[in-house]
Amino acid sequence: WLETARALGCVAVVCNQTLWDASSVMQAKSAG
């Protein structure tokens, strides 16, 4: 998912609320 978002030049990931935790937020934000 993260590699796909980056390959598509995305600025954001929009998740089902249950998917966000400290790890997934850190992964997304570390990728900008």
Full PDB file with SEQRES, HELIX, SHEET, SSBOND, CRYST1, ORIGX, SCALE, CONECT and MASTER records, all heavy atoms in Angstrom:
SEQRES   1 A   32  TRP LEU GLU THR ALA ARG ALA LEU GLY CYS VAL ALA VAL          
SEQRES   2 A   32  VAL CYS ASN GLN THR LEU TRP ASP ALA SER SER VAL MET          
SEQRES   3 A   32  GLN ALA LYS SER ALA GLY                                      
HELIX    1 AA1 LEU A    2  ALA A    7  1                                   6    
HELIX    2 AA2 GLN A   17  LEU A   19  5                                   3    
HELIX    3 AA3 ALA A   22  SER A   30  1                                   9    
CRYST1    1.000    1.000    1.000  90.00  90.00  90.00 P 1           1          
ORIGX1      1.000000  0.000000  0.000000        0.00000                         
ORIGX2      0.000000  1.000000  0.000000        0.00000                         
ORIGX3      0.000000  0.000000  1.000000        0.00000                         
SCALE1      1.000000  0.000000  0.000000        0.00000                         
SCALE2      0.000000  1.000000  0.000000        0.00000                         
SCALE3      0.000000  0.000000  1.000000        0.00000                         
ATOM      1  N   TRP A   1       0.823  -1.220   0.000  1.00  0.00           N  
ATOM      2  CA  TRP A   1       0.000   0.000   0.000  1.00  0.00           C  
ATOM      3  C   TRP A   1       0.853   1.264   0.000  1.00  0.00           C  
ATOM      4  O   TRP A   1       0.551   2.223  -0.724  1.00  0.00           O  
ATOM      5  CB  TRP A   1      -0.972  -0.002   1.187  1.00  0.00           C  
ATOM      6  CG  TRP A   1      -0.336   0.063   2.554  1.00  0.00           C  
ATOM      7  CD1 TRP A   1       0.054  -1.005   3.321  1.00  0.00           C  
ATOM      8  CD2 TRP A   1      -0.015   1.237   3.315  1.00  0.00           C  
ATOM      9  NE1 TRP A   1       0.596  -0.580   4.510  1.00  0.00           N  
ATOM     10  CE2 TRP A   1       0.564   0.791   4.536  1.00  0.00           C  
ATOM     11  CE3 TRP A   1      -0.152   2.601   3.093  1.00  0.00           C  
ATOM     12  CZ2 TRP A   1       1.009   1.683   5.522  1.00  0.00           C  
ATOM     13  CZ3 TRP A   1       0.276   3.489   4.071  1.00  0.00           C  
ATOM     14  CH2 TRP A   1       0.856   3.036   5.277  1.00  0.00           C  
ATOM     15  N   LEU A   2       1.905   1.257   0.795  1.00  0.00           N  
ATOM     16  CA  LEU A   2       2.733   2.457   0.901  1.00  0.00           C  
ATOM     17  C   LEU A   2       3.503   2.708  -0.392  1.00  0.00           C  
ATOM     18  O   LEU A   2       3.568   3.852  -0.882  1.00  0.00           O  
ATOM     19  CB  LEU A   2       3.695   2.316   2.082  1.00  0.00           C  
ATOM     20  CG  LEU A   2       4.517   3.550   2.447  1.00  0.00           C  
ATOM     21  CD1 LEU A   2       3.613   4.723   2.813  1.00  0.00           C  
ATOM     22  CD2 LEU A   2       5.455   3.234   3.610  1.00  0.00           C  
ATOM     23  N   GLU A   3       4.055   1.664  -0.959  1.00  0.00           N  
ATOM     24  CA  GLU A   3       4.794   1.800  -2.213  1.00  0.00           C  
ATOM     25  C   GLU A   3       3.867   2.250  -3.343  1.00  0.00           C  
ATOM     26  O   GLU A   3       4.261   3.060  -4.198  1.00  0.00           O  
ATOM     27  CB  GLU A   3       5.461   0.468  -2.581  1.00  0.00           C  
ATOM     28  CG  GLU A   3       6.564   0.024  -1.645  1.00  0.00           C  
ATOM     29  CD  GLU A   3       6.055  -0.566  -0.327  1.00  0.00           C  
ATOM     30  OE1 GLU A   3       4.834  -0.803  -0.194  1.00  0.00           O  
ATOM     31  OE2 GLU A   3       6.896  -0.768   0.576  1.00  0.00           O  
ATOM     32  N   THR A   4       2.629   1.746  -3.325  1.00  0.00           N  
ATOM     33  CA  THR A   4       1.655   2.153  -4.350  1.00  0.00           C  
ATOM     34  C   THR A   4       1.313   3.629  -4.227  1.00  0.00           C  
ATOM     35  O   THR A   4       1.273   4.358  -5.228  1.00  0.00           O  
ATOM     36  CB  THR A   4       0.385   1.298  -4.242  1.00  0.00           C  
ATOM     37  OG1 THR A   4       0.712  -0.077  -4.469  1.00  0.00           O  
ATOM     38  CG2 THR A   4      -0.662   1.736  -5.250  1.00  0.00           C  
ATOM     39  N   ALA A   5       1.085   4.085  -2.995  1.00  0.00           N  
ATOM     40  CA  ALA A   5       0.772   5.502  -2.782  1.00  0.00           C  
ATOM     41  C   ALA A   5       1.920   6.385  -3.265  1.00  0.00           C  
ATOM     42  O   ALA A   5       1.691   7.423  -3.915  1.00  0.00           O  
ATOM     43  CB  ALA A   5       0.473   5.757  -1.308  1.00  0.00           C  
ATOM     44  N   ARG A   6       3.124   5.983  -2.985  1.00  0.00           N  
ATOM     45  CA  ARG A   6       4.284   6.777  -3.413  1.00  0.00           C  
ATOM     46  C   ARG A   6       4.440   6.737  -4.933  1.00  0.00           C  
ATOM     47  O   ARG A   6       4.754   7.757  -5.562  1.00  0.00           O  
ATOM     48  CB  ARG A   6       5.541   6.276  -2.722  1.00  0.00           C  
ATOM     49  CG  ARG A   6       5.519   6.451  -1.203  1.00  0.00           C  
ATOM     50  CD  ARG A   6       6.782   5.961  -0.538  1.00  0.00           C  
ATOM     51  NE  ARG A   6       7.934   6.804  -0.869  1.00  0.00           N  
ATOM     52  CZ  ARG A   6       9.164   6.600  -0.411  1.00  0.00           C  
ATOM     53  NH1 ARG A   6       9.408   5.575   0.390  1.00  0.00           N  
ATOM     54  NH2 ARG A   6      10.146   7.400  -0.748  1.00  0.00           N  
ATOM     55  N   ALA A   7       4.241   5.568  -5.541  1.00  0.00           N  
ATOM     56  CA  ALA A   7       4.389   5.448  -6.992  1.00  0.00           C  
ATOM     57  C   ALA A   7       3.355   6.291  -7.733  1.00  0.00           C  
ATOM     58  O   ALA A   7       3.621   6.770  -8.848  1.00  0.00           O  
ATOM     59  CB  ALA A   7       4.259   3.986  -7.409  1.00  0.00           C  
ATOM     60  N   LEU A   8       2.183   6.470  -7.116  1.00  0.00           N  
ATOM     61  CA  LEU A   8       1.120   7.271  -7.720  1.00  0.00           C  
ATOM     62  C   LEU A   8       1.284   8.763  -7.428  1.00  0.00           C  
ATOM     63  O   LEU A   8       0.442   9.562  -7.836  1.00  0.00           O  
ATOM     64  CB  LEU A   8      -0.243   6.795  -7.214  1.00  0.00           C  
ATOM     65  CG  LEU A   8      -0.693   5.419  -7.713  1.00  0.00           C  
ATOM     66  CD1 LEU A   8      -1.868   4.905  -6.891  1.00  0.00           C  
ATOM     67  CD2 LEU A   8      -1.050   5.484  -9.190  1.00  0.00           C  
ATOM     68  N   GLY A   9       2.357   9.126  -6.744  1.00  0.00           N  
ATOM     69  CA  GLY A   9       2.574  10.526  -6.419  1.00  0.00           C  
ATOM     70  C   GLY A   9       1.544  11.082  -5.465  1.00  0.00           C  
ATOM     71  O   GLY A   9       1.226  12.280  -5.520  1.00  0.00           O  
ATOM     72  N   CYS A  10       1.018  10.230  -4.582  1.00  0.00           N  
ATOM     73  CA  CYS A  10      -0.016  10.674  -3.654  1.00  0.00           C  
ATOM     74  C   CYS A  10       0.563  11.612  -2.592  1.00  0.00           C  
ATOM     75  O   CYS A  10       1.749  11.534  -2.254  1.00  0.00           O  
ATOM     76  CB  CYS A  10      -0.661   9.475  -2.959  1.00  0.00           C  
ATOM     77  SG  CYS A  10      -1.696   8.468  -4.057  1.00  0.00           S  
ATOM     78  N   VAL A  11      -0.296  12.482  -2.096  1.00  0.00           N  
ATOM     79  CA  VAL A  11       0.075  13.343  -0.978  1.00  0.00           C  
ATOM     80  C   VAL A  11      -0.532  12.838   0.327  1.00  0.00           C  
ATOM     81  O   VAL A  11      -0.177  13.318   1.405  1.00  0.00           O  
ATOM     82  CB  VAL A  11      -0.365  14.802  -1.213  1.00  0.00           C  
ATOM     83  CG1 VAL A  11       0.283  15.358  -2.463  1.00  0.00           C  
ATOM     84  CG2 VAL A  11      -1.898  14.916  -1.298  1.00  0.00           C  
ATOM     85  N   ALA A  12      -1.456  11.868   0.240  1.00  0.00           N  
ATOM     86  CA  ALA A  12      -2.165  11.403   1.433  1.00  0.00           C  
ATOM     87  C   ALA A  12      -2.584   9.954   1.275  1.00  0.00           C  
ATOM     88  O   ALA A  12      -2.713   9.427   0.161  1.00  0.00           O  
ATOM     89  CB  ALA A  12      -3.395  12.268   1.691  1.00  0.00           C  
ATOM     90  N   VAL A  13      -2.805   9.319   2.427  1.00  0.00           N  
ATOM     91  CA  VAL A  13      -3.458   8.019   2.511  1.00  0.00           C  
ATOM     92  C   VAL A  13      -4.686   8.213   3.377  1.00  0.00           C  
ATOM     93  O   VAL A  13      -4.619   8.833   4.440  1.00  0.00           O  
ATOM     94  CB  VAL A  13      -2.521   6.948   3.103  1.00  0.00           C  
ATOM     95  CG1 VAL A  13      -3.259   5.637   3.290  1.00  0.00           C  
ATOM     96  CG2 VAL A  13      -1.306   6.752   2.212  1.00  0.00           C  
ATOM     97  N   VAL A  14      -5.813   7.696   2.895  1.00  0.00           N  
ATOM     98  CA  VAL A  14      -7.096   7.862   3.592  1.00  0.00           C  
ATOM     99  C   VAL A  14      -7.562   6.477   4.020  1.00  0.00           C  
ATOM    100  O   VAL A  14      -7.968   5.668   3.183  1.00  0.00           O  
ATOM    101  CB  VAL A  14      -8.142   8.540   2.694  1.00  0.00           C  
ATOM    102  CG1 VAL A  14      -9.390   8.880   3.497  1.00  0.00           C  
ATOM    103  CG2 VAL A  14      -7.565   9.789   2.033  1.00  0.00           C  
ATOM    104  N   CYS A  15      -7.479   6.198   5.321  1.00  0.00           N  
ATOM    105  CA  CYS A  15      -7.709   4.850   5.837  1.00  0.00           C  
ATOM    106  C   CYS A  15      -9.021   4.728   6.590  1.00  0.00           C  
ATOM    107  O   CYS A  15      -9.475   5.676   7.243  1.00  0.00           O  
ATOM    108  CB  CYS A  15      -6.597   4.459   6.812  1.00  0.00           C  
ATOM    109  SG  CYS A  15      -5.079   3.903   6.038  1.00  0.00           S  
ATOM    110  N   ASN A  16      -9.577   3.519   6.545  1.00  0.00           N  
ATOM    111  CA  ASN A  16     -10.555   3.137   7.555  1.00  0.00           C  
ATOM    112  C   ASN A  16      -9.941   3.441   8.920  1.00  0.00           C  
ATOM    113  O   ASN A  16      -8.780   3.103   9.179  1.00  0.00           O  
ATOM    114  CB  ASN A  16     -10.853   1.641   7.430  1.00  0.00           C  
ATOM    115  CG  ASN A  16     -11.871   1.150   8.428  1.00  0.00           C  
ATOM    116  OD1 ASN A  16     -11.726   1.339   9.636  1.00  0.00           O  
ATOM    117  ND2 ASN A  16     -12.906   0.504   7.930  1.00  0.00           N  
ATOM    118  N   GLN A  17     -10.725   4.091   9.774  1.00  0.00           N  
ATOM    119  CA  GLN A  17     -10.181   4.602  11.038  1.00  0.00           C  
ATOM    120  C   GLN A  17      -9.481   3.544  11.877  1.00  0.00           C  
ATOM    121  O   GLN A  17      -8.518   3.858  12.591  1.00  0.00           O  
ATOM    122  CB  GLN A  17     -11.305   5.229  11.863  1.00  0.00           C  
ATOM    123  CG  GLN A  17     -12.442   4.265  12.196  1.00  0.00           C  
ATOM    124  CD  GLN A  17     -13.416   4.851  13.178  1.00  0.00           C  
ATOM    125  OE1 GLN A  17     -13.023   5.448  14.172  1.00  0.00           O  
ATOM    126  NE2 GLN A  17     -14.702   4.690  12.920  1.00  0.00           N  
ATOM    127  N   THR A  18      -9.902   2.290  11.774  1.00  0.00           N  
ATOM    128  CA  THR A  18      -9.320   1.239  12.609  1.00  0.00           C  
ATOM    129  C   THR A  18      -7.900   0.876  12.183  1.00  0.00           C  
ATOM    130  O   THR A  18      -7.176   0.225  12.938  1.00  0.00           O  
ATOM    131  CB  THR A  18     -10.187  -0.022  12.574  1.00  0.00           C  
ATOM    132  OG1 THR A  18     -10.256  -0.515  11.220  1.00  0.00           O  
ATOM    133  CG2 THR A  18     -11.604   0.267  13.058  1.00  0.00           C  
ATOM    134  N   LEU A  19      -7.499   1.288  10.983  1.00  0.00           N  
ATOM    135  CA  LEU A  19      -6.171   0.927  10.479  1.00  0.00           C  
ATOM    136  C   LEU A  19      -5.061   1.820  11.007  1.00  0.00           C  
ATOM    137  O   LEU A  19      -3.886   1.456  10.933  1.00  0.00           O  
ATOM    138  CB  LEU A  19      -6.167   0.985   8.948  1.00  0.00           C  
ATOM    139  CG  LEU A  19      -7.165   0.081   8.223  1.00  0.00           C  
ATOM    140  CD1 LEU A  19      -7.032   0.251   6.720  1.00  0.00           C  
ATOM    141  CD2 LEU A  19      -6.982  -1.383   8.616  1.00  0.00           C  
ATOM    142  N   TRP A  20      -5.432   2.982  11.525  1.00  0.00           N  
ATOM    143  CA  TRP A  20      -4.400   3.882  12.028  1.00  0.00           C  
ATOM    144  C   TRP A  20      -3.980   3.509  13.440  1.00  0.00           C  
ATOM    145  O   TRP A  20      -4.808   3.391  14.336  1.00  0.00           O  
ATOM    146  CB  TRP A  20      -4.882   5.329  12.015  1.00  0.00           C  
ATOM    147  CG  TRP A  20      -5.000   5.964  10.662  1.00  0.00           C  
ATOM    148  CD1 TRP A  20      -6.080   6.620  10.152  1.00  0.00           C  
ATOM    149  CD2 TRP A  20      -3.988   6.054   9.655  1.00  0.00           C  
ATOM    150  NE1 TRP A  20      -5.816   7.091   8.895  1.00  0.00           N  
ATOM    151  CE2 TRP A  20      -4.535   6.765   8.563  1.00  0.00           C  
ATOM    152  CE3 TRP A  20      -2.673   5.593   9.563  1.00  0.00           C  
ATOM    153  CZ2 TRP A  20      -3.809   7.021   7.392  1.00  0.00           C  
ATOM    154  CZ3 TRP A  20      -1.952   5.852   8.400  1.00  0.00           C  
ATOM    155  CH2 TRP A  20      -2.524   6.555   7.336  1.00  0.00           C  
ATOM    156  N   ASP A  21      -2.682   3.300  13.600  1.00  0.00           N  
ATOM    157  CA  ASP A  21      -2.084   3.165  14.919  1.00  0.00           C  
ATOM    158  C   ASP A  21      -0.717   3.846  14.841  1.00  0.00           C  
ATOM    159  O   ASP A  21      -0.366   4.446  13.805  1.00  0.00           O  
ATOM    160  CB  ASP A  21      -1.972   1.699  15.355  1.00  0.00           C  
ATOM    161  CG  ASP A  21      -1.193   0.826  14.386  1.00  0.00           C  
ATOM    162  OD1 ASP A  21      -0.378   1.370  13.591  1.00  0.00           O  
ATOM    163  OD2 ASP A  21      -1.373  -0.402  14.412  1.00  0.00           O  
ATOM    164  N   ALA A  22       0.040   3.787  15.893  1.00  0.00           N  
ATOM    165  CA  ALA A  22       1.318   4.497  15.907  1.00  0.00           C  
ATOM    166  C   ALA A  22       2.227   4.041  14.764  1.00  0.00           C  
ATOM    167  O   ALA A  22       2.926   4.852  14.146  1.00  0.00           O  
ATOM    168  CB  ALA A  22       2.012   4.299  17.255  1.00  0.00           C  
ATOM    169  N   SER A  23       2.201   2.747  14.459  1.00  0.00           N  
ATOM    170  CA  SER A  23       3.079   2.210  13.421  1.00  0.00           C  
ATOM    171  C   SER A  23       2.661   2.678  12.033  1.00  0.00           C  
ATOM    172  O   SER A  23       3.499   3.145  11.245  1.00  0.00           O  
ATOM    173  CB  SER A  23       3.070   0.682  13.473  1.00  0.00           C  
ATOM    174  OG  SER A  23       3.796   0.139  12.389  1.00  0.00           O  
ATOM    175  N   SER A  24       1.378   2.556  11.684  1.00  0.00           N  
ATOM    176  CA  SER A  24       0.940   2.925  10.337  1.00  0.00           C  
ATOM    177  C   SER A  24       1.052   4.431  10.115  1.00  0.00           C  
ATOM    178  O   SER A  24       1.421   4.881   9.018  1.00  0.00           O  
ATOM    179  CB  SER A  24      -0.487   2.439  10.072  1.00  0.00           C  
ATOM    180  OG  SER A  24      -1.386   2.908  11.060  1.00  0.00           O  
ATOM    181  N   VAL A  25       0.757   5.222  11.153  1.00  0.00           N  
ATOM    182  CA  VAL A  25       0.926   6.672  11.026  1.00  0.00           C  
ATOM    183  C   VAL A  25       2.394   7.013  10.783  1.00  0.00           C  
ATOM    184  O   VAL A  25       2.725   7.842   9.921  1.00  0.00           O  
ATOM    185  CB  VAL A  25       0.381   7.402  12.272  1.00  0.00           C  
ATOM    186  CG1 VAL A  25       0.808   8.866  12.284  1.00  0.00           C  
ATOM    187  CG2 VAL A  25      -1.138   7.306  12.324  1.00  0.00           C  
ATOM    188  N   MET A  26       3.277   6.367  11.517  1.00  0.00           N  
ATOM    189  CA  MET A  26       4.709   6.636  11.353  1.00  0.00           C  
ATOM    190  C   MET A  26       5.165   6.251   9.949  1.00  0.00           C  
ATOM    191  O   MET A  26       5.938   6.994   9.320  1.00  0.00           O  
ATOM    192  CB  MET A  26       5.523   5.877  12.391  1.00  0.00           C  
ATOM    193  CG  MET A  26       7.023   6.159  12.299  1.00  0.00           C  
ATOM    194  SD  MET A  26       7.988   5.199  13.492  1.00  0.00           S  
ATOM    195  CE  MET A  26       7.773   3.545  12.846  1.00  0.00           C  
ATOM    196  N   GLN A  27       4.694   5.108   9.437  1.00  0.00           N  
ATOM    197  CA  GLN A  27       5.073   4.693   8.088  1.00  0.00           C  
ATOM    198  C   GLN A  27       4.643   5.719   7.047  1.00  0.00           C  
ATOM    199  O   GLN A  27       5.416   6.099   6.160  1.00  0.00           O  
ATOM    200  CB  GLN A  27       4.443   3.337   7.757  1.00  0.00           C  
ATOM    201  CG  GLN A  27       5.019   2.159   8.509  1.00  0.00           C  
ATOM    202  CD  GLN A  27       4.319   0.875   8.115  1.00  0.00           C  
ATOM    203  OE1 GLN A  27       4.469   0.389   6.989  1.00  0.00           O  
ATOM    204  NE2 GLN A  27       3.511   0.342   9.013  1.00  0.00           N  
ATOM    205  N   ALA A  28       3.399   6.163   7.159  1.00  0.00           N  
ATOM    206  CA  ALA A  28       2.879   7.112   6.181  1.00  0.00           C  
ATOM    207  C   ALA A  28       3.616   8.443   6.265  1.00  0.00           C  
ATOM    208  O   ALA A  28       4.054   9.006   5.245  1.00  0.00           O  
ATOM    209  CB  ALA A  28       1.378   7.307   6.388  1.00  0.00           C  
ATOM    210  N   LYS A  29       3.784   8.939   7.481  1.00  0.00           N  
ATOM    211  CA  LYS A  29       4.402  10.262   7.630  1.00  0.00           C  
ATOM    212  C   LYS A  29       5.887  10.220   7.289  1.00  0.00           C  
ATOM    213  O   LYS A  29       6.432  11.197   6.759  1.00  0.00           O  
ATOM    214  CB  LYS A  29       4.156  10.793   9.041  1.00  0.00           C  
ATOM    215  CG  LYS A  29       2.678  11.043   9.307  1.00  0.00           C  
ATOM    216  CD  LYS A  29       2.438  12.152  10.298  1.00  0.00           C  
ATOM    217  CE  LYS A  29       0.972  12.558  10.269  1.00  0.00           C  
ATOM    218  NZ  LYS A  29       0.702  13.776  11.040  1.00  0.00           N  
ATOM    219  N   SER A  30       6.537   9.106   7.553  1.00  0.00           N  
ATOM    220  CA  SER A  30       7.946   8.981   7.175  1.00  0.00           C  
ATOM    221  C   SER A  30       8.121   9.014   5.662  1.00  0.00           C  
ATOM    222  O   SER A  30       9.185   9.383   5.161  1.00  0.00           O  
ATOM    223  CB  SER A  30       8.532   7.687   7.735  1.00  0.00           C  
ATOM    224  OG  SER A  30       8.555   7.714   9.142  1.00  0.00           O  
ATOM    225  N   ALA A  31       7.072   8.626   4.940  1.00  0.00           N  
ATOM    226  CA  ALA A  31       7.100   8.665   3.474  1.00  0.00           C  
ATOM    227  C   ALA A  31       6.617  10.008   2.936  1.00  0.00           C  
ATOM    228  O   ALA A  31       6.476  10.170   1.716  1.00  0.00           O  
ATOM    229  CB  ALA A  31       6.231   7.542   2.914  1.00  0.00           C  
ATOM    230  N   GLY A  32       6.349  10.959   3.830  1.00  0.00           N  
ATOM    231  CA  GLY A  32       5.905  12.283   3.400  1.00  0.00           C  
ATOM    232  C   GLY A  32       4.441  12.379   3.092  1.00  0.00           C  
ATOM    233  O   GLY A  32       3.997  13.330   2.433  1.00  0.00           O  
TER     234      GLY A  32                                                      
MASTER        0    0    0    3    0    0    0    6  233    1    0    3          
END                                                                             
